[in-house]
């Protein structure tokens, strides 16, 4: 499999209430030399996480031990800017499996789905509720149910539905990338090809 199957994720979340977070902020261009997906997490939000001398910036959320989890909650228009796949790679490699926002750039959304990160788009009102829940309790759990296509705040039970392409949902549920999906249909493809010869 290309990545872990995604069914129901229950996790605390890391809040990043900033709008227009672009891919160059997610992973600066100088770190794009590698072609494998590993290692990019070390430089996720590099210029926001570290000073010029590589010491951590204490006021940045990823350097705050109060917050942790597999869900990143961002502001509106997350993943704008260039189309670099490395931005999604860095988020996945750091350990996030879901990003929540009220709006995603289309290319980032596609790149995330291709490698096993679930981008959950919610209403601005529900996003505010999530931020408020995390502010009230950094250990507040968020429940992302992919089969039901819902996201919930565990403490309050408040929930909202989210949309996802059916093909991408199937792949996420099974841990497939596009190649895995084709391989899973190998017998059907073989049968179709044999019928087409006659």
N, C-alpha and C. Protein backbone atom coordinates (compact mmCIF):
# COMPACT_ATOMS: atom_id res chain seq x y z
N UNK A 1 0.83 -1.20 0.00
CA UNK A 1 0.00 0.00 0.00
C UNK A 1 0.87 1.25 0.00
N UNK A 2 0.32 2.29 -0.55
CA UNK A 2 1.05 3.54 -0.63
C UNK A 2 1.12 4.23 0.73
N UNK A 3 0.08 4.05 1.54
CA UNK A 3 0.03 4.70 2.85
C UNK A 3 -1.00 3.97 3.70
N UNK A 4 -1.12 4.36 4.97
CA UNK A 4 -2.07 3.71 5.87
C UNK A 4 -3.50 3.95 5.41
N UNK A 5 -4.35 2.96 5.63
CA UNK A 5 -5.77 3.14 5.35
C UNK A 5 -6.34 4.21 6.28
N UNK A 6 -7.26 4.99 5.76
CA UNK A 6 -7.90 6.03 6.56
C UNK A 6 -9.37 5.64 6.73
N UNK A 7 -9.75 5.41 7.98
CA UNK A 7 -11.14 5.07 8.27
C UNK A 7 -11.74 6.16 9.17
N UNK A 8 -11.52 6.02 10.46
CA UNK A 8 -11.96 7.02 11.43
C UNK A 8 -10.73 7.47 12.23
N UNK A 9 -10.47 8.75 12.20
CA UNK A 9 -9.33 9.32 12.92
C UNK A 9 -9.84 10.13 14.10
N UNK A 10 -9.44 9.73 15.29
CA UNK A 10 -9.75 10.49 16.50
C UNK A 10 -8.45 10.98 17.08
N UNK A 11 -8.29 12.30 17.14
CA UNK A 11 -7.00 12.85 17.53
C UNK A 11 -7.15 14.26 18.09
N UNK A 12 -6.17 14.64 18.89
CA UNK A 12 -6.04 16.05 19.22
C UNK A 12 -5.56 16.77 17.96
N UNK A 13 -5.54 18.10 18.01
CA UNK A 13 -5.23 18.86 16.80
C UNK A 13 -4.27 20.01 17.10
N UNK A 14 -3.55 20.39 16.05
CA UNK A 14 -2.63 21.53 16.14
C UNK A 14 -3.27 22.71 15.42
N UNK A 15 -3.50 23.83 16.12
CA UNK A 15 -4.16 24.97 15.49
C UNK A 15 -3.17 25.91 14.80
N UNK A 16 -3.48 26.27 13.58
CA UNK A 16 -2.68 27.24 12.82
C UNK A 16 -3.67 28.23 12.19
N UNK A 17 -4.20 29.16 12.99
CA UNK A 17 -5.29 30.04 12.53
C UNK A 17 -4.79 31.19 11.64
N UNK A 18 -4.13 30.82 10.57
CA UNK A 18 -3.61 31.80 9.63
C UNK A 18 -4.24 31.57 8.26
N UNK A 19 -4.63 32.64 7.60
CA UNK A 19 -5.20 32.53 6.26
C UNK A 19 -4.11 32.59 5.20
N UNK A 20 -4.41 32.04 4.02
CA UNK A 20 -3.52 32.11 2.86
C UNK A 20 -2.14 31.50 3.12
N UNK A 21 -2.11 30.39 3.83
CA UNK A 21 -0.85 29.67 4.04
C UNK A 21 -0.46 29.03 2.72
N UNK A 22 0.64 29.49 2.12
CA UNK A 22 0.99 28.98 0.80
C UNK A 22 2.05 27.90 0.88
N UNK A 23 2.27 27.25 -0.25
CA UNK A 23 3.16 26.09 -0.28
C UNK A 23 4.62 26.45 0.00
N UNK A 24 5.00 27.68 -0.27
CA UNK A 24 6.38 28.09 0.02
C UNK A 24 6.58 28.27 1.52
N UNK A 25 5.52 28.60 2.23
CA UNK A 25 5.60 28.68 3.69
C UNK A 25 5.56 27.28 4.29
N UNK A 26 4.79 26.40 3.66
CA UNK A 26 4.72 25.02 4.15
C UNK A 26 6.07 24.32 4.00
N UNK A 27 6.69 24.45 2.83
CA UNK A 27 8.03 23.89 2.61
C UNK A 27 8.79 24.84 1.68
N UNK A 28 9.73 25.62 2.21
CA UNK A 28 10.47 26.58 1.39
C UNK A 28 11.18 25.92 0.21
N UNK A 29 11.30 26.67 -0.87
CA UNK A 29 11.82 26.14 -2.14
C UNK A 29 13.22 25.53 -2.00
N UNK A 30 14.02 26.04 -1.09
CA UNK A 30 15.41 25.55 -0.97
C UNK A 30 15.48 24.11 -0.47
N UNK A 31 14.37 23.56 -0.02
CA UNK A 31 14.35 22.18 0.48
C UNK A 31 13.71 21.21 -0.50
N UNK A 32 13.61 21.58 -1.75
CA UNK A 32 12.91 20.73 -2.73
C UNK A 32 13.84 19.84 -3.54
N UNK A 33 15.07 19.70 -3.14
CA UNK A 33 16.04 18.97 -3.94
C UNK A 33 15.79 17.47 -3.97
N UNK A 34 15.29 16.91 -2.89
CA UNK A 34 15.08 15.46 -2.82
C UNK A 34 13.88 15.06 -3.67
N UNK A 35 13.91 13.83 -4.15
CA UNK A 35 12.81 13.32 -4.98
C UNK A 35 11.99 12.26 -4.25
N UNK A 36 12.49 11.78 -3.11
CA UNK A 36 11.73 10.83 -2.30
C UNK A 36 10.90 11.60 -1.28
N UNK A 37 9.87 10.97 -0.77
CA UNK A 37 8.95 11.65 0.13
C UNK A 37 9.48 11.79 1.56
N UNK A 38 10.52 11.05 1.91
CA UNK A 38 10.99 11.04 3.29
C UNK A 38 11.84 12.28 3.61
N UNK A 39 11.76 12.70 4.87
CA UNK A 39 12.65 13.74 5.37
C UNK A 39 12.12 15.16 5.28
N UNK A 40 11.02 15.36 4.57
CA UNK A 40 10.51 16.71 4.40
C UNK A 40 9.86 17.26 5.67
N UNK A 41 9.42 16.38 6.55
CA UNK A 41 8.79 16.84 7.79
C UNK A 41 9.71 17.68 8.65
N UNK A 42 11.01 17.43 8.57
CA UNK A 42 11.97 18.21 9.36
C UNK A 42 11.93 19.69 8.99
N UNK A 43 11.52 19.97 7.76
CA UNK A 43 11.51 21.36 7.28
C UNK A 43 10.11 21.91 7.05
N UNK A 44 9.11 21.23 7.60
CA UNK A 44 7.75 21.75 7.52
C UNK A 44 7.68 23.09 8.23
N UNK A 45 7.16 24.10 7.54
CA UNK A 45 7.08 25.47 8.09
C UNK A 45 8.44 25.94 8.61
N UNK A 46 9.48 25.59 7.90
CA UNK A 46 10.85 25.82 8.37
C UNK A 46 11.10 27.27 8.84
N UNK A 47 10.72 28.22 8.02
CA UNK A 47 11.04 29.62 8.36
C UNK A 47 10.16 30.16 9.47
N UNK A 48 9.04 29.50 9.74
CA UNK A 48 8.20 29.88 10.87
C UNK A 48 8.64 29.16 12.14
N UNK A 49 9.24 27.98 11.97
CA UNK A 49 9.63 27.17 13.13
C UNK A 49 10.99 27.54 13.71
N UNK A 50 11.90 28.01 12.83
CA UNK A 50 13.29 28.20 13.26
C UNK A 50 13.83 29.59 12.94
N UNK A 51 14.72 30.06 13.80
CA UNK A 51 15.46 31.28 13.54
C UNK A 51 16.58 31.00 12.55
N UNK A 52 17.28 32.04 12.13
CA UNK A 52 18.38 31.88 11.18
C UNK A 52 19.50 31.00 11.68
N UNK A 53 19.64 30.90 13.01
CA UNK A 53 20.69 30.05 13.60
C UNK A 53 20.18 28.66 13.94
N UNK A 54 19.00 28.30 13.39
CA UNK A 54 18.39 26.99 13.58
C UNK A 54 17.85 26.72 14.98
N UNK A 55 17.74 27.75 15.79
CA UNK A 55 17.10 27.57 17.09
C UNK A 55 15.59 27.71 16.91
N UNK A 56 14.83 26.91 17.65
CA UNK A 56 13.37 26.95 17.48
C UNK A 56 12.78 28.29 17.93
N UNK A 57 11.78 28.76 17.20
CA UNK A 57 11.04 29.96 17.59
C UNK A 57 9.97 29.52 18.59
N UNK A 58 10.09 29.99 19.80
CA UNK A 58 9.24 29.51 20.88
C UNK A 58 7.76 29.83 20.69
N UNK A 59 7.48 30.88 19.89
CA UNK A 59 6.09 31.28 19.76
C UNK A 59 5.35 30.58 18.62
N UNK A 60 6.05 29.68 17.89
CA UNK A 60 5.37 28.98 16.81
C UNK A 60 4.74 27.70 17.33
N UNK A 61 3.54 27.40 16.84
CA UNK A 61 2.72 26.35 17.43
C UNK A 61 3.38 24.97 17.39
N UNK A 62 4.15 24.65 16.34
CA UNK A 62 4.77 23.32 16.28
C UNK A 62 5.88 23.16 17.31
N UNK A 63 6.33 24.27 17.87
CA UNK A 63 7.36 24.21 18.91
C UNK A 63 6.75 24.29 20.31
N UNK A 64 5.42 24.27 20.38
CA UNK A 64 4.72 24.36 21.65
C UNK A 64 4.23 22.97 22.04
N UNK A 65 4.80 22.38 23.10
CA UNK A 65 4.42 21.01 23.48
C UNK A 65 2.98 20.89 23.96
N UNK A 66 2.31 22.03 24.14
CA UNK A 66 0.90 21.99 24.55
C UNK A 66 0.04 21.35 23.47
N UNK A 67 0.46 21.53 22.21
CA UNK A 67 -0.34 21.06 21.08
C UNK A 67 0.33 19.88 20.38
N UNK A 68 -0.47 18.91 20.03
CA UNK A 68 0.03 17.74 19.30
C UNK A 68 -1.15 17.06 18.61
N UNK A 69 -0.85 16.05 17.84
CA UNK A 69 -1.91 15.28 17.20
C UNK A 69 -1.67 15.08 15.72
N UNK A 70 -2.58 14.35 15.10
CA UNK A 70 -2.46 14.02 13.68
C UNK A 70 -3.32 14.91 12.79
N UNK A 71 -3.95 15.91 13.38
CA UNK A 71 -4.81 16.82 12.63
C UNK A 71 -4.25 18.24 12.71
N UNK A 72 -4.08 18.85 11.57
CA UNK A 72 -3.65 20.24 11.48
C UNK A 72 -4.86 21.07 11.09
N UNK A 73 -5.16 22.09 11.86
CA UNK A 73 -6.31 22.95 11.58
C UNK A 73 -5.80 24.31 11.12
N UNK A 74 -6.03 24.62 9.85
CA UNK A 74 -5.53 25.86 9.27
C UNK A 74 -6.64 26.83 8.95
N UNK A 75 -6.25 28.06 8.62
CA UNK A 75 -7.22 29.07 8.23
C UNK A 75 -7.64 28.92 6.78
N UNK A 76 -8.42 29.86 6.31
CA UNK A 76 -8.96 29.83 4.95
C UNK A 76 -7.84 29.91 3.91
N UNK A 77 -8.07 29.24 2.78
CA UNK A 77 -7.18 29.24 1.62
C UNK A 77 -5.83 28.59 1.96
N UNK A 78 -5.91 27.41 2.51
CA UNK A 78 -4.71 26.65 2.87
C UNK A 78 -4.12 25.98 1.63
N UNK A 79 -2.81 26.09 1.46
CA UNK A 79 -2.13 25.41 0.36
C UNK A 79 -2.12 26.18 -0.95
N UNK A 80 -2.29 27.49 -0.88
CA UNK A 80 -2.26 28.30 -2.10
C UNK A 80 -0.81 28.42 -2.60
N UNK A 81 -0.64 29.07 -3.75
CA UNK A 81 0.72 29.25 -4.28
C UNK A 81 1.08 28.22 -5.30
N UNK A 82 2.33 27.82 -5.32
CA UNK A 82 2.83 26.91 -6.34
C UNK A 82 2.25 25.51 -6.16
N UNK A 83 2.42 24.69 -7.19
CA UNK A 83 1.80 23.36 -7.20
C UNK A 83 2.68 22.27 -6.60
N UNK A 84 3.74 22.64 -5.90
CA UNK A 84 4.71 21.63 -5.43
C UNK A 84 4.07 20.53 -4.58
N UNK A 85 4.32 19.30 -4.96
CA UNK A 85 3.85 18.14 -4.19
C UNK A 85 4.52 18.07 -2.83
N UNK A 86 5.72 18.63 -2.75
CA UNK A 86 6.51 18.54 -1.52
C UNK A 86 5.80 19.12 -0.31
N UNK A 87 4.88 20.07 -0.53
CA UNK A 87 4.14 20.63 0.59
C UNK A 87 3.31 19.56 1.27
N UNK A 88 2.62 18.76 0.48
CA UNK A 88 1.84 17.64 1.05
C UNK A 88 2.78 16.60 1.65
N UNK A 89 3.89 16.33 0.98
CA UNK A 89 4.86 15.36 1.51
C UNK A 89 5.34 15.78 2.89
N UNK A 90 5.63 17.08 3.07
CA UNK A 90 6.16 17.57 4.35
C UNK A 90 5.12 17.41 5.46
N UNK A 91 3.87 17.69 5.14
CA UNK A 91 2.80 17.56 6.14
C UNK A 91 2.63 16.10 6.54
N UNK A 92 2.65 15.21 5.56
CA UNK A 92 2.51 13.77 5.83
C UNK A 92 3.71 13.26 6.62
N UNK A 93 4.91 13.65 6.19
CA UNK A 93 6.13 13.16 6.82
C UNK A 93 6.25 13.64 8.27
N UNK A 94 5.68 14.80 8.56
CA UNK A 94 5.71 15.31 9.93
C UNK A 94 4.81 14.48 10.84
N UNK A 95 3.78 13.88 10.26
CA UNK A 95 2.90 13.02 11.05
C UNK A 95 1.42 13.38 10.99
N UNK A 96 1.09 14.43 10.25
CA UNK A 96 -0.32 14.79 10.11
C UNK A 96 -0.99 13.86 9.09
N UNK A 97 -2.24 13.49 9.37
CA UNK A 97 -3.01 12.66 8.45
C UNK A 97 -4.27 13.37 7.95
N UNK A 98 -4.54 14.54 8.52
CA UNK A 98 -5.71 15.30 8.12
C UNK A 98 -5.41 16.78 8.28
N UNK A 99 -5.86 17.57 7.32
CA UNK A 99 -5.79 19.03 7.42
C UNK A 99 -7.21 19.56 7.29
N UNK A 100 -7.57 20.45 8.19
CA UNK A 100 -8.91 21.03 8.19
C UNK A 100 -8.80 22.51 7.85
N UNK A 101 -9.66 22.98 6.97
CA UNK A 101 -9.69 24.39 6.59
C UNK A 101 -11.07 24.71 6.05
N UNK A 102 -11.36 26.01 5.93
CA UNK A 102 -12.63 26.40 5.32
C UNK A 102 -12.51 26.53 3.81
N UNK A 103 -11.28 26.45 3.29
CA UNK A 103 -11.06 26.45 1.84
C UNK A 103 -9.65 25.99 1.54
N UNK A 104 -9.52 25.11 0.54
CA UNK A 104 -8.21 24.62 0.10
C UNK A 104 -7.94 25.03 -1.34
N UNK A 105 -6.68 25.30 -1.65
CA UNK A 105 -6.28 25.44 -3.04
C UNK A 105 -6.44 24.08 -3.71
N UNK A 106 -6.99 24.06 -4.92
CA UNK A 106 -7.32 22.79 -5.59
C UNK A 106 -6.12 21.88 -5.78
N UNK A 107 -5.00 22.43 -6.21
CA UNK A 107 -3.83 21.58 -6.48
C UNK A 107 -3.30 20.98 -5.20
N UNK A 108 -3.23 21.76 -4.14
CA UNK A 108 -2.78 21.21 -2.86
C UNK A 108 -3.73 20.10 -2.41
N UNK A 109 -5.02 20.34 -2.55
CA UNK A 109 -6.01 19.33 -2.14
C UNK A 109 -5.78 18.02 -2.87
N UNK A 110 -5.56 18.10 -4.18
CA UNK A 110 -5.29 16.90 -4.97
C UNK A 110 -4.02 16.21 -4.55
N UNK A 111 -2.96 16.99 -4.33
CA UNK A 111 -1.67 16.42 -3.90
C UNK A 111 -1.80 15.72 -2.56
N UNK A 112 -2.58 16.31 -1.65
CA UNK A 112 -2.78 15.72 -0.33
C UNK A 112 -3.50 14.38 -0.44
N UNK A 113 -4.57 14.35 -1.20
CA UNK A 113 -5.34 13.11 -1.36
C UNK A 113 -4.51 12.02 -2.02
N UNK A 114 -3.60 12.40 -2.89
CA UNK A 114 -2.78 11.41 -3.60
C UNK A 114 -1.82 10.67 -2.68
N UNK A 115 -1.47 11.25 -1.53
CA UNK A 115 -0.49 10.60 -0.66
C UNK A 115 -1.03 10.21 0.71
N UNK A 116 -2.36 10.33 0.90
CA UNK A 116 -2.93 9.83 2.14
C UNK A 116 -3.23 10.87 3.20
N UNK A 117 -3.23 12.16 2.83
CA UNK A 117 -3.67 13.20 3.75
C UNK A 117 -5.10 13.56 3.38
N UNK A 118 -5.99 13.55 4.35
CA UNK A 118 -7.38 13.89 4.08
C UNK A 118 -7.60 15.39 4.31
N UNK A 119 -7.89 16.16 3.24
CA UNK A 119 -8.23 17.57 3.41
C UNK A 119 -9.72 17.71 3.66
N UNK A 120 -10.07 18.18 4.83
CA UNK A 120 -11.48 18.30 5.22
C UNK A 120 -11.88 19.77 5.17
N UNK A 121 -12.76 20.09 4.23
CA UNK A 121 -13.21 21.47 4.10
C UNK A 121 -14.52 21.65 4.86
N UNK A 122 -14.52 22.60 5.79
CA UNK A 122 -15.69 22.86 6.62
C UNK A 122 -16.15 24.30 6.42
N UNK A 123 -17.29 24.63 6.95
CA UNK A 123 -17.78 26.00 6.88
C UNK A 123 -16.93 26.90 7.78
N UNK A 124 -16.84 28.19 7.47
CA UNK A 124 -16.09 29.11 8.35
C UNK A 124 -16.60 29.06 9.79
N UNK A 125 -17.91 28.88 9.94
CA UNK A 125 -18.49 28.85 11.28
C UNK A 125 -18.02 27.62 12.07
N UNK A 126 -17.99 26.48 11.40
CA UNK A 126 -17.56 25.26 12.10
C UNK A 126 -16.05 25.31 12.36
N UNK A 127 -15.30 25.90 11.44
CA UNK A 127 -13.86 26.06 11.67
C UNK A 127 -13.61 26.88 12.93
N UNK A 128 -14.37 27.95 13.09
CA UNK A 128 -14.23 28.78 14.30
C UNK A 128 -14.53 27.96 15.55
N UNK A 129 -15.53 27.09 15.48
CA UNK A 129 -15.88 26.25 16.63
C UNK A 129 -14.73 25.30 16.98
N UNK A 130 -14.07 24.78 15.95
CA UNK A 130 -12.92 23.89 16.20
C UNK A 130 -11.79 24.65 16.87
N UNK A 131 -11.48 25.84 16.36
CA UNK A 131 -10.43 26.65 16.98
C UNK A 131 -10.78 26.98 18.43
N UNK A 132 -12.05 27.30 18.68
CA UNK A 132 -12.48 27.63 20.04
C UNK A 132 -12.35 26.43 20.97
N UNK A 133 -12.69 25.24 20.44
CA UNK A 133 -12.59 24.02 21.26
C UNK A 133 -11.14 23.74 21.63
N UNK A 134 -10.22 23.93 20.68
CA UNK A 134 -8.80 23.69 20.94
C UNK A 134 -8.25 24.73 21.91
N UNK A 135 -8.70 25.98 21.76
CA UNK A 135 -8.24 27.04 22.67
C UNK A 135 -8.71 26.77 24.10
N UNK A 136 -9.94 26.28 24.23
CA UNK A 136 -10.49 25.97 25.55
C UNK A 136 -9.79 24.77 26.18
N UNK A 137 -9.42 23.81 25.33
CA UNK A 137 -8.76 22.58 25.82
C UNK A 137 -7.84 22.04 24.73
N UNK A 138 -6.54 22.25 24.87
CA UNK A 138 -5.60 21.75 23.86
C UNK A 138 -5.66 20.24 23.64
N UNK A 139 -6.25 19.53 24.59
CA UNK A 139 -6.40 18.08 24.46
C UNK A 139 -7.76 17.69 23.88
N UNK A 140 -8.51 18.67 23.41
CA UNK A 140 -9.81 18.38 22.80
C UNK A 140 -9.62 17.48 21.58
N UNK A 141 -10.44 16.47 21.47
CA UNK A 141 -10.32 15.53 20.36
C UNK A 141 -11.29 15.87 19.24
N UNK A 142 -10.78 15.72 18.02
CA UNK A 142 -11.57 15.88 16.82
C UNK A 142 -11.73 14.50 16.20
N UNK A 143 -12.93 14.18 15.76
CA UNK A 143 -13.22 12.87 15.16
C UNK A 143 -13.52 13.07 13.68
N UNK A 144 -12.69 12.49 12.84
CA UNK A 144 -12.88 12.58 11.39
C UNK A 144 -13.30 11.20 10.90
N UNK A 145 -14.53 11.09 10.46
CA UNK A 145 -15.11 9.81 10.03
C UNK A 145 -15.21 9.84 8.51
N UNK A 146 -14.26 9.19 7.84
CA UNK A 146 -14.27 9.21 6.38
C UNK A 146 -15.44 8.42 5.79
N UNK A 147 -15.74 7.21 6.27
CA UNK A 147 -16.89 6.50 5.70
C UNK A 147 -18.19 7.32 5.75
N UNK A 148 -18.42 8.00 6.87
CA UNK A 148 -19.64 8.80 7.02
C UNK A 148 -19.48 10.22 6.48
N UNK A 149 -18.23 10.60 6.19
CA UNK A 149 -17.89 11.94 5.71
C UNK A 149 -18.37 13.02 6.68
N UNK A 150 -17.99 12.83 7.96
CA UNK A 150 -18.32 13.81 8.99
C UNK A 150 -17.09 14.14 9.82
N UNK A 151 -17.08 15.36 10.36
CA UNK A 151 -16.05 15.77 11.31
C UNK A 151 -16.77 16.29 12.54
N UNK A 152 -16.31 15.86 13.72
CA UNK A 152 -17.01 16.19 14.96
C UNK A 152 -16.04 16.67 16.02
N UNK A 153 -16.55 17.50 16.91
CA UNK A 153 -15.82 17.90 18.11
C UNK A 153 -16.29 16.97 19.21
N UNK A 154 -15.42 16.11 19.69
CA UNK A 154 -15.83 15.04 20.60
C UNK A 154 -16.51 15.57 21.86
N UNK A 155 -15.99 16.65 22.43
CA UNK A 155 -16.51 17.14 23.72
C UNK A 155 -17.93 17.66 23.62
N UNK A 156 -18.28 18.27 22.50
CA UNK A 156 -19.61 18.87 22.36
C UNK A 156 -20.56 18.05 21.49
N UNK A 157 -19.99 17.16 20.68
CA UNK A 157 -20.81 16.38 19.77
C UNK A 157 -21.21 17.14 18.52
N UNK A 158 -20.78 18.40 18.41
CA UNK A 158 -21.09 19.17 17.20
C UNK A 158 -20.39 18.56 16.00
N UNK A 159 -21.10 18.52 14.89
CA UNK A 159 -20.60 17.79 13.74
C UNK A 159 -20.97 18.51 12.45
N UNK A 160 -20.19 18.24 11.42
CA UNK A 160 -20.50 18.78 10.09
C UNK A 160 -20.06 17.77 9.04
N UNK A 161 -20.78 17.73 7.94
CA UNK A 161 -20.41 16.85 6.83
C UNK A 161 -19.39 17.53 5.94
N UNK A 162 -18.61 16.71 5.24
CA UNK A 162 -17.68 17.25 4.26
C UNK A 162 -17.75 16.44 2.98
N UNK A 163 -17.36 17.05 1.89
CA UNK A 163 -17.43 16.40 0.58
C UNK A 163 -16.07 15.81 0.21
N UNK A 164 -16.10 14.74 -0.59
CA UNK A 164 -14.87 14.15 -1.12
C UNK A 164 -15.23 13.39 -2.40
N UNK A 165 -14.37 13.46 -3.37
CA UNK A 165 -14.53 12.72 -4.61
C UNK A 165 -14.62 11.22 -4.30
N UNK A 166 -15.56 10.52 -4.94
CA UNK A 166 -15.78 9.10 -4.65
C UNK A 166 -14.57 8.23 -4.90
N UNK A 167 -13.86 8.51 -5.99
CA UNK A 167 -12.66 7.73 -6.31
C UNK A 167 -11.58 7.94 -5.25
N UNK A 168 -11.39 9.20 -4.84
CA UNK A 168 -10.37 9.51 -3.83
C UNK A 168 -10.76 8.92 -2.48
N UNK A 169 -12.05 8.92 -2.19
CA UNK A 169 -12.50 8.32 -0.93
C UNK A 169 -12.19 6.84 -0.91
N UNK A 170 -12.49 6.16 -2.01
CA UNK A 170 -12.20 4.72 -2.12
C UNK A 170 -10.71 4.47 -1.89
N UNK A 171 -9.87 5.28 -2.51
CA UNK A 171 -8.43 5.08 -2.36
C UNK A 171 -7.98 5.34 -0.94
N UNK A 172 -8.49 6.39 -0.30
CA UNK A 172 -8.11 6.70 1.08
C UNK A 172 -8.52 5.56 2.02
N UNK A 173 -9.73 5.04 1.82
CA UNK A 173 -10.22 3.96 2.68
C UNK A 173 -9.35 2.71 2.56
N UNK A 174 -8.78 2.51 1.38
CA UNK A 174 -7.98 1.31 1.13
C UNK A 174 -6.48 1.54 1.19
N UNK A 175 -6.05 2.78 1.38
CA UNK A 175 -4.62 3.08 1.41
C UNK A 175 -3.98 3.00 0.05
N UNK A 176 -4.76 3.28 -1.00
CA UNK A 176 -4.26 3.16 -2.38
C UNK A 176 -3.80 4.51 -2.92
N UNK A 177 -2.70 4.49 -3.69
CA UNK A 177 -2.45 5.59 -4.60
C UNK A 177 -2.99 5.15 -5.97
N UNK A 178 -2.78 5.96 -7.01
CA UNK A 178 -3.37 5.63 -8.30
C UNK A 178 -2.85 4.29 -8.85
N UNK A 179 -1.58 4.01 -8.62
CA UNK A 179 -1.00 2.75 -9.11
C UNK A 179 -1.57 1.56 -8.35
N UNK A 180 -1.69 1.71 -7.03
CA UNK A 180 -2.30 0.64 -6.23
C UNK A 180 -3.72 0.34 -6.70
N UNK A 181 -4.45 1.40 -7.03
CA UNK A 181 -5.83 1.23 -7.49
C UNK A 181 -5.87 0.40 -8.77
N UNK A 182 -4.99 0.73 -9.70
CA UNK A 182 -4.94 -0.04 -10.96
C UNK A 182 -4.55 -1.49 -10.71
N UNK A 183 -3.59 -1.68 -9.79
CA UNK A 183 -3.18 -3.05 -9.48
C UNK A 183 -4.31 -3.84 -8.83
N UNK A 184 -5.14 -3.16 -8.07
CA UNK A 184 -6.26 -3.84 -7.42
C UNK A 184 -7.31 -4.30 -8.43
N UNK A 185 -7.26 -3.69 -9.61
CA UNK A 185 -8.21 -4.05 -10.68
C UNK A 185 -7.55 -4.89 -11.77
N UNK A 186 -6.41 -5.47 -11.45
CA UNK A 186 -5.63 -6.20 -12.45
C UNK A 186 -6.43 -7.29 -13.15
N UNK A 187 -7.19 -8.05 -12.38
CA UNK A 187 -7.95 -9.15 -12.98
C UNK A 187 -9.06 -8.62 -13.89
N UNK A 188 -9.73 -7.56 -13.44
CA UNK A 188 -10.79 -6.96 -14.27
C UNK A 188 -10.22 -6.40 -15.56
N UNK A 189 -9.06 -5.77 -15.45
CA UNK A 189 -8.41 -5.20 -16.64
C UNK A 189 -8.00 -6.32 -17.60
N UNK A 190 -7.47 -7.41 -17.03
CA UNK A 190 -7.05 -8.56 -17.85
C UNK A 190 -8.26 -9.16 -18.57
N UNK A 191 -9.36 -9.33 -17.84
CA UNK A 191 -10.58 -9.89 -18.44
C UNK A 191 -11.10 -9.01 -19.56
N UNK A 192 -11.12 -7.68 -19.29
CA UNK A 192 -11.59 -6.74 -20.31
C UNK A 192 -10.71 -6.78 -21.55
N UNK A 193 -9.40 -6.86 -21.33
CA UNK A 193 -8.46 -6.89 -22.46
C UNK A 193 -8.65 -8.15 -23.28
N UNK A 194 -8.87 -9.28 -22.60
CA UNK A 194 -9.07 -10.53 -23.33
C UNK A 194 -10.35 -10.51 -24.16
N UNK A 195 -11.40 -9.92 -23.60
CA UNK A 195 -12.67 -9.82 -24.35
C UNK A 195 -12.52 -8.91 -25.55
N UNK A 196 -11.69 -7.87 -25.41
CA UNK A 196 -11.53 -6.90 -26.48
C UNK A 196 -10.78 -7.48 -27.68
N UNK A 197 -10.11 -8.61 -27.47
CA UNK A 197 -9.35 -9.24 -28.57
C UNK A 197 -10.26 -9.96 -29.54
N UNK A 198 -11.48 -10.21 -29.11
CA UNK A 198 -12.40 -11.03 -29.95
C UNK A 198 -13.54 -10.17 -30.48
